[in-house]
């Protein structure tokens, strides 16, 4: 199957295979298929899926099964790594992570193979970063009713101001 046209660079490296409802097996090595790098693989709405075999590294972060996971029976998920260093674990997004972790309900027919810490189940997987650029900013007067000033040594490209109500 040619999937080279499924890569959406504007969607942050997402591979969406949810429309392939007859997909039975999915193999991925290192977050790369057809020369494209993927952070997220979407495999929901694939009721015939019975094998997922992924080798994770720093690229692949999320395996999205939520929504279609309740109709998948006898699924084998194998999560491995060819890396010899610490990598972020793969987040497997499912409808009920507690049942998946404890192999209960629909998930009692699933088998997940992988070293401890290589994967985890979640209802909402998100991409995040542990490292942020910290800059020194001063805002005054604080509190303010209408106008305020910012003081920083960094270039300010954009400012968004929200009320406590989020507006």
Foldseek 3Di string as FASTA:
>chain_A
DDQPVQFDVVVVAEREPLVVQQDAEAEEEAQDDPRGHHQEYEHANNLNHAEYEYAYAQGHAEYEHAPRLLNHANHEYEYHYPDPDDHQAHEYAYQDQVCLVVLDHRNVNYHYHDDPRNYGYDNDDDDDDPDDDDFDKDWPDPPDDPDIDIDGPDDDDDDDDADPVRD
